Amino acid sequence: MKKSLTLILILLTTCISAKPIKILEVPSEIGADKRGASLGPRAIEIAAINANSDFFHQHATTEIEPENQALYLKQTTPYAKNINAFAKVMEKTSTSVAQIMREKNTFLIVIAGDHSTAAGTLAGMKKAFPKQRIGVIWIDAHADLHSPYTSPSGNLQRMPVAIALSEDNHLKKKNKPDSETIVLWEKIKEIGGPNRNIQPSDLVYLTVRDKDPQEEFLMRKYNLKNYPLEDIRGKGIEEVISEILRRLRHCDVIYLSFDVNSMNSPISQGTDTPAANGLTKKEAENLLLGFCASPKVRCLEFAEVNPLLDQQNQMAETIFHMIHAISREVEK
């Protein structure tokens, strides 16, 4: 009872009212290792059709033109693959996000291909709220804290948080990026503005369980909070939501990012990087519903649905079920 009252008090810190939902689709996969994530947004739309839902007909949807043609070209920036094309996608994404987020009380759902586009979403939020603190709740198997100086793969899907933090991690440098990569890396870090798009103290992780040493170093350096699965189950979802919202109480607006690999690998086969020991579908949905009940949460992003790796579109169906449930919560 006490936990329930605490959560209610947190949610009432701002006047609760229905928020109109808008959809932004970013069918980009240039940051991924495997092909197919660009088909994720369309797979989720098909899941809606198969469920006899008119969700995508009822809600205004904008689609970012991707730069996936870059995948046909010879790779010239191995420590940040396709970064030239990614800079264009990030700029376009940030512009659209900023435009939507400036609309009073709008709730934005971003349906992305690979997770690299989250850097563009955060840059857009910074453009929309340049003088406000942006809280980030990052639900993912990975911390996504690599840079071209540390990345073992060069895949930009593992770099969006580092971009938002403007973090190179030179102390753990293992790569020597070429000059083109360095110039473009500096450019994308400033798409949201000359300073960091988010502050380390305003970032909270959930279910991160696959970290490289360079990422672990940054998590210790900034004292970044991560809620592993055992903590979520031990404390209970309601208490975890309450703790995180208290931690981010000084933030003016909150961004919620959900990578489908945060769920257990038997559920999330339809993704590029499935990881064991993740959330159940019900746990994931309850977390998202709980966070989205807060009036400060203004943007929710789903990433890494890959129908080419899926079976009978199960992953997309799972995510659409969540989107539909969340939309009812937000719009009620």
Protein backbone atom coordinates (compact mmCIF):
# COMPACT_ATOMS: atom_id res chain seq x y z
CA MET A 1 0.00 0.00 0.00
CA LYS A 2 2.82 2.39 0.92
CA LYS A 3 4.61 1.70 -2.39
CA SER A 4 1.40 2.38 -4.32
CA LEU A 5 0.89 5.72 -2.56
CA THR A 6 4.51 6.70 -3.25
CA LEU A 7 4.13 5.99 -6.97
CA ILE A 8 0.85 7.93 -7.10
CA LEU A 9 2.48 10.96 -5.44
CA ILE A 10 5.33 10.91 -7.97
CA LEU A 11 2.94 10.72 -10.90
CA LEU A 12 0.91 13.62 -9.53
CA THR A 13 3.89 16.00 -9.37
CA THR A 14 2.65 17.34 -12.70
CA CYS A 15 -0.96 17.66 -13.77
CA ILE A 16 -1.95 14.43 -15.53
CA SER A 17 -3.90 14.82 -18.74
CA ALA A 18 -4.40 12.83 -21.91
CA LYS A 19 -1.60 13.27 -24.43
CA PRO A 20 -2.17 13.06 -28.19
CA ILE A 21 0.07 10.41 -29.73
CA LYS A 22 2.18 10.86 -32.85
CA ILE A 23 4.28 8.20 -34.54
CA LEU A 24 7.71 8.62 -36.10
CA GLU A 25 9.14 5.71 -38.08
CA VAL A 26 12.87 5.55 -38.76
CA PRO A 27 13.45 2.46 -40.98
CA SER A 28 17.24 2.67 -40.85
CA GLU A 29 19.63 -0.24 -40.38
CA ILE A 30 22.97 1.31 -41.30
CA GLY A 31 24.11 1.07 -37.68
CA ALA A 32 23.42 -2.67 -37.40
CA ASP A 33 25.59 -5.70 -37.98
CA LYS A 34 22.85 -7.87 -39.52
CA ARG A 35 20.38 -6.92 -42.20
CA GLY A 36 16.63 -6.61 -41.70
CA ALA A 37 16.00 -4.08 -38.90
CA SER A 38 14.82 -1.49 -41.45
CA LEU A 39 11.83 -3.78 -42.03
CA GLY A 40 10.87 -3.63 -38.35
CA PRO A 41 8.50 -0.62 -38.53
CA ARG A 42 6.60 -2.15 -41.44
CA ALA A 43 6.45 -5.54 -39.67
CA ILE A 44 4.83 -3.82 -36.68
CA GLU A 45 2.28 -2.19 -38.99
CA ILE A 46 1.51 -5.62 -40.47
CA ALA A 47 1.05 -6.97 -36.94
CA ALA A 48 -1.52 -4.22 -36.38
CA ILE A 49 -3.36 -5.13 -39.58
CA ASN A 50 -3.40 -8.81 -38.60
CA ALA A 51 -4.84 -7.80 -35.23
CA ASN A 52 -7.64 -5.90 -37.04
CA SER A 53 -6.40 -2.66 -35.47
CA ASP A 54 -6.67 0.76 -37.08
CA PHE A 55 -3.98 2.18 -34.79
CA PHE A 56 -1.73 3.42 -37.60
CA HIS A 57 -4.72 4.87 -39.41
CA GLN A 58 -5.87 6.76 -36.33
CA HIS A 59 -2.50 8.26 -35.38
CA ALA A 60 -0.48 10.71 -37.45
CA THR A 61 2.63 8.94 -38.72
CA THR A 62 5.78 10.49 -40.16
CA GLU A 63 8.50 8.42 -41.81
CA ILE A 64 12.14 9.46 -42.01
CA GLU A 65 13.74 8.71 -45.35
CA PRO A 66 16.59 6.29 -44.53
CA GLU A 67 20.02 6.15 -46.08
CA ASN A 68 20.16 2.37 -46.39
CA GLN A 69 21.63 2.61 -49.90
CA ALA A 70 24.93 3.21 -48.09
CA LEU A 71 24.99 -0.52 -47.37
CA TYR A 72 25.83 -1.16 -51.03
CA LEU A 73 28.95 0.98 -50.87
CA LYS A 74 32.48 0.00 -49.94
CA GLN A 75 33.13 0.50 -46.22
CA THR A 76 35.65 3.30 -45.68
CA THR A 77 35.13 4.05 -41.96
CA PRO A 78 35.59 0.69 -40.19
CA TYR A 79 35.48 2.09 -36.64
CA ALA A 80 32.13 3.84 -37.27
CA LYS A 81 30.55 2.04 -40.20
CA ASN A 82 28.36 4.13 -42.50
CA ILE A 83 28.85 7.20 -40.31
CA ASN A 84 28.47 9.56 -43.26
CA ALA A 85 25.00 8.21 -44.06
CA PHE A 86 24.19 7.99 -40.36
CA ALA A 87 24.92 11.70 -39.88
CA LYS A 88 22.20 12.44 -42.44
CA VAL A 89 19.70 10.10 -40.76
CA MET A 90 20.49 11.55 -37.35
CA GLU A 91 20.00 15.12 -38.59
CA LYS A 92 16.67 14.28 -40.24
CA THR A 93 15.48 12.36 -37.18
CA SER A 94 16.45 15.15 -34.79
CA THR A 95 14.63 17.75 -36.90
CA SER A 96 11.39 15.74 -36.97
CA VAL A 97 11.57 14.88 -33.28
CA ALA A 98 12.14 18.52 -32.33
CA GLN A 99 9.21 19.66 -34.44
CA ILE A 100 6.85 17.11 -32.88
CA MET A 101 8.08 17.58 -29.31
CA ARG A 102 7.50 21.34 -29.48
CA GLU A 103 3.79 20.63 -29.87
CA LYS A 104 2.22 21.05 -26.45
CA ASN A 105 1.72 17.81 -24.52
CA THR A 106 2.29 15.51 -27.50
CA PHE A 107 3.46 11.97 -26.75
CA LEU A 108 5.86 10.67 -29.40
CA ILE A 109 6.33 6.99 -30.19
CA VAL A 110 9.42 6.35 -32.32
CA ILE A 111 9.52 3.03 -34.14
CA ALA A 112 13.11 2.60 -35.28
CA GLY A 113 15.12 0.07 -37.18
CA ASP A 114 18.44 -0.34 -35.39
CA HIS A 115 19.10 1.42 -32.09
CA SER A 116 21.62 3.94 -33.43
CA THR A 117 18.77 6.28 -34.37
CA ALA A 118 18.11 6.89 -30.67
CA ALA A 119 21.00 9.36 -30.86
CA GLY A 120 18.92 11.38 -33.32
CA THR A 121 15.86 11.19 -31.08
CA LEU A 122 17.82 12.53 -28.11
CA ALA A 123 19.36 15.28 -30.22
CA GLY A 124 15.87 16.26 -31.32
CA MET A 125 14.65 16.40 -27.74
CA LYS A 126 17.60 18.63 -26.89
CA LYS A 127 16.66 20.94 -29.76
CA ALA A 128 13.07 21.07 -28.50
CA PHE A 129 14.06 21.59 -24.85
CA PRO A 130 17.48 23.31 -24.98
CA LYS A 131 17.33 24.70 -21.43
CA GLN A 132 15.62 21.76 -19.76
CA ARG A 133 16.99 18.59 -18.21
CA ILE A 134 16.23 15.47 -20.21
CA GLY A 135 15.97 12.24 -18.26
CA VAL A 136 16.75 8.96 -20.02
CA ILE A 137 15.47 5.50 -19.09
CA TRP A 138 17.41 3.02 -21.24
CA ILE A 139 16.02 -0.54 -21.28
CA ASP A 140 18.50 -2.69 -23.19
CA ALA A 141 20.84 -5.66 -22.92
CA HIS A 142 23.69 -3.30 -23.83
CA ALA A 143 24.92 0.03 -22.47
CA ASP A 144 25.60 1.43 -25.98
CA LEU A 145 28.52 3.48 -24.67
CA HIS A 146 31.10 2.76 -27.36
CA SER A 147 32.77 5.34 -29.57
CA PRO A 148 34.90 4.96 -32.72
CA TYR A 149 37.91 4.95 -30.38
CA THR A 150 36.72 1.91 -28.39
CA SER A 151 34.27 -0.07 -30.52
CA PRO A 152 35.27 -3.67 -31.30
CA SER A 153 32.75 -3.83 -34.18
CA GLY A 154 32.39 -0.30 -35.53
CA ASN A 155 28.61 -0.70 -35.42
CA LEU A 156 26.85 2.56 -34.57
CA GLN A 157 23.99 0.69 -32.89
CA ARG A 158 26.34 0.34 -29.91
CA MET A 159 27.16 4.09 -29.74
CA PRO A 160 23.96 6.18 -29.27
CA VAL A 161 24.39 6.83 -25.53
CA ALA A 162 28.02 7.83 -26.04
CA ILE A 163 26.88 10.26 -28.75
CA ALA A 164 24.26 11.78 -26.43
CA LEU A 165 26.86 12.10 -23.65
CA SER A 166 29.47 13.46 -26.10
CA GLU A 167 31.81 10.80 -24.74
CA ASP A 168 34.90 9.58 -26.64
CA ASN A 169 36.37 7.49 -23.79
CA HIS A 170 39.95 8.26 -24.83
CA LEU A 171 41.28 6.69 -21.63
CA LYS A 172 40.24 3.29 -22.98
CA LYS A 173 41.15 3.98 -26.58
CA LYS A 174 42.00 0.91 -28.67
CA ASN A 175 41.30 2.15 -32.22
CA LYS A 176 42.80 4.85 -34.43
CA PRO A 177 39.89 6.22 -36.48
CA ASP A 178 40.63 7.91 -39.80
CA SER A 179 40.18 11.65 -40.23
CA GLU A 180 36.78 11.32 -41.96
CA THR A 181 35.43 9.35 -39.01
CA ILE A 182 36.77 11.86 -36.48
CA VAL A 183 35.25 14.85 -38.31
CA LEU A 184 31.86 13.17 -38.64
CA TRP A 185 31.93 11.90 -35.05
CA GLU A 186 32.49 15.44 -33.80
CA LYS A 187 29.67 16.63 -36.05
CA ILE A 188 27.05 14.14 -34.84
CA LYS A 189 27.88 14.81 -31.18
CA GLU A 190 26.83 18.44 -31.77
CA ILE A 191 23.63 17.86 -33.75
CA GLY A 192 21.54 18.58 -30.66
CA GLY A 193 23.69 21.57 -29.69
CA PRO A 194 27.24 22.43 -28.63
CA ASN A 195 26.97 20.71 -25.25
CA ARG A 196 25.96 17.23 -24.15
CA ASN A 197 22.40 16.28 -25.05
CA ILE A 198 22.02 14.53 -21.68
CA GLN A 199 23.86 14.51 -18.35
CA PRO A 200 25.20 11.25 -16.86
CA SER A 201 23.25 11.89 -13.65
CA ASP A 202 20.01 11.90 -15.68
CA LEU A 203 20.55 8.44 -17.21
CA VAL A 204 19.24 5.17 -15.77
CA TYR A 205 19.70 1.70 -17.25
CA LEU A 206 17.56 -1.40 -16.89
CA THR A 207 18.54 -5.01 -17.79
CA VAL A 208 22.02 -4.15 -19.13
CA ARG A 209 23.91 -7.45 -18.93
CA ASP A 210 26.28 -7.57 -21.89
CA LYS A 211 28.99 -4.94 -21.33
CA ASP A 212 32.47 -4.56 -22.74
CA PRO A 213 35.30 -3.39 -20.43
CA GLN A 214 35.32 0.07 -22.02
CA GLU A 215 31.61 0.47 -21.24
CA GLU A 216 32.06 -0.82 -17.70
CA PHE A 217 34.75 1.81 -17.20
CA LEU A 218 32.35 4.61 -18.15
CA MET A 219 29.56 3.19 -16.01
CA ARG A 220 31.93 3.30 -13.02
CA LYS A 221 33.32 6.72 -13.98
CA TYR A 222 29.88 8.32 -14.08
CA ASN A 223 28.33 6.10 -11.41
CA LEU A 224 25.60 5.10 -13.86
CA LYS A 225 22.74 3.19 -12.28
CA ASN A 226 21.70 -0.14 -13.80
CA TYR A 227 18.82 -2.29 -12.58
CA PRO A 228 19.66 -5.91 -13.46
CA LEU A 229 16.87 -8.43 -13.81
CA GLU A 230 17.38 -9.82 -10.30
CA ASP A 231 16.89 -6.34 -8.80
CA ILE A 232 13.75 -5.74 -10.84
CA ARG A 233 12.25 -9.02 -9.70
CA GLY A 234 13.54 -8.70 -6.15
CA LYS A 235 12.21 -5.20 -5.56
CA GLY A 236 9.17 -5.54 -7.78
CA ILE A 237 8.34 -3.52 -10.87
CA GLU A 238 6.29 -0.93 -9.00
CA GLU A 239 9.13 -0.15 -6.60
CA VAL A 240 11.69 0.04 -9.41
CA ILE A 241 9.50 2.51 -11.31
CA SER A 242 9.12 4.61 -8.15
CA GLU A 243 12.87 4.62 -7.49
CA ILE A 244 13.74 5.64 -11.04
CA LEU A 245 11.16 8.43 -11.18
CA ARG A 246 12.48 9.72 -7.86
CA ARG A 247 16.03 9.61 -9.21
CA LEU A 248 14.91 11.63 -12.25
CA ARG A 249 12.63 13.97 -10.31
CA HIS A 250 14.76 17.01 -11.23
CA CYS A 251 14.39 16.30 -14.95
CA ASP A 252 11.82 18.31 -16.87
CA VAL A 253 11.09 15.72 -19.54
CA ILE A 254 11.91 12.01 -19.84
CA TYR A 255 12.82 9.85 -22.84
CA LEU A 256 12.20 6.11 -22.62
CA SER A 257 14.15 3.79 -24.92
CA PHE A 258 13.28 0.11 -25.35
CA ASP A 259 15.52 -2.29 -27.24
CA VAL A 260 13.71 -5.60 -27.74
CA ASN A 261 16.85 -7.50 -26.69
CA SER A 262 16.03 -6.40 -23.14
CA MET A 263 13.62 -9.33 -23.20
CA ASN A 264 14.70 -12.92 -22.74
CA SER A 265 16.29 -14.44 -25.85
CA PRO A 266 13.61 -17.12 -26.42
CA ILE A 267 11.14 -14.23 -26.81
CA SER A 268 13.43 -11.88 -28.72
CA GLN A 269 14.81 -14.11 -31.47
CA GLY A 270 13.57 -11.55 -33.98
CA THR A 271 16.38 -9.11 -33.24
CA ASP A 272 20.02 -8.56 -34.17
CA THR A 273 21.56 -9.22 -30.76
CA PRO A 274 19.35 -11.42 -28.53
CA ALA A 275 20.60 -11.93 -24.97
CA ALA A 276 19.67 -14.48 -22.33
CA ASN A 277 18.29 -13.66 -18.87
CA GLY A 278 16.03 -10.82 -19.91
CA LEU A 279 12.54 -9.62 -19.14
CA THR A 280 9.40 -11.57 -19.86
CA LYS A 281 6.86 -9.97 -22.18
CA LYS A 282 4.61 -9.16 -19.24
CA GLU A 283 7.45 -7.64 -17.21
CA ALA A 284 8.49 -5.47 -20.15
CA GLU A 285 4.94 -4.28 -20.78
CA ASN A 286 4.33 -3.50 -17.11
CA LEU A 287 7.54 -1.46 -16.93
CA LEU A 288 6.64 0.56 -20.00
CA LEU A 289 3.06 1.11 -18.83
CA GLY A 290 4.27 2.24 -15.42
CA PHE A 291 6.80 4.71 -16.81
CA CYS A 292 4.40 6.07 -19.43
CA ALA A 293 1.88 6.87 -16.70
CA SER A 294 4.25 9.64 -15.63
CA PRO A 295 3.40 12.98 -17.28
CA LYS A 296 7.12 13.69 -17.64
CA VAL A 297 7.61 10.81 -20.08
CA ARG A 298 7.04 12.40 -23.48
CA CYS A 299 8.82 10.04 -25.86
CA LEU A 300 9.07 6.26 -26.14
CA GLU A 301 11.30 4.56 -28.70
CA PHE A 302 11.21 0.93 -29.81
CA ALA A 303 14.22 -0.47 -31.66
CA GLU A 304 15.77 -3.57 -33.19
CA VAL A 305 12.74 -5.56 -34.38
CA ASN A 306 14.13 -7.64 -37.25
CA PRO A 307 11.54 -9.75 -39.11
CA LEU A 308 14.25 -11.50 -41.16
CA LEU A 309 15.46 -13.13 -37.94
CA ASP A 310 11.98 -13.73 -36.54
CA GLN A 311 9.47 -16.56 -36.76
CA GLN A 312 6.01 -15.69 -38.10
CA ASN A 313 6.40 -12.03 -37.08
CA GLN A 314 6.15 -12.86 -33.37
CA MET A 315 8.49 -10.09 -32.24
CA ALA A 316 6.57 -7.43 -34.16
CA GLU A 317 3.29 -8.74 -32.78
CA THR A 318 4.67 -8.52 -29.24
CA ILE A 319 5.78 -4.92 -29.74
CA PHE A 320 2.52 -3.87 -31.36
CA HIS A 321 0.61 -5.33 -28.40
CA MET A 322 2.75 -3.12 -26.13
CA ILE A 323 2.27 -0.04 -28.30
CA HIS A 324 -1.49 -0.54 -28.30
CA ALA A 325 -1.63 -1.02 -24.52
CA ILE A 326 0.56 2.04 -23.92
CA SER A 327 -1.52 4.19 -26.26
CA ARG A 328 -4.63 3.41 -24.22
CA GLU A 329 -2.77 4.41 -21.03
CA VAL A 330 -1.44 7.65 -22.51
CA GLU A 331 -4.66 8.75 -24.19
CA LYS A 332 -7.09 7.89 -21.41
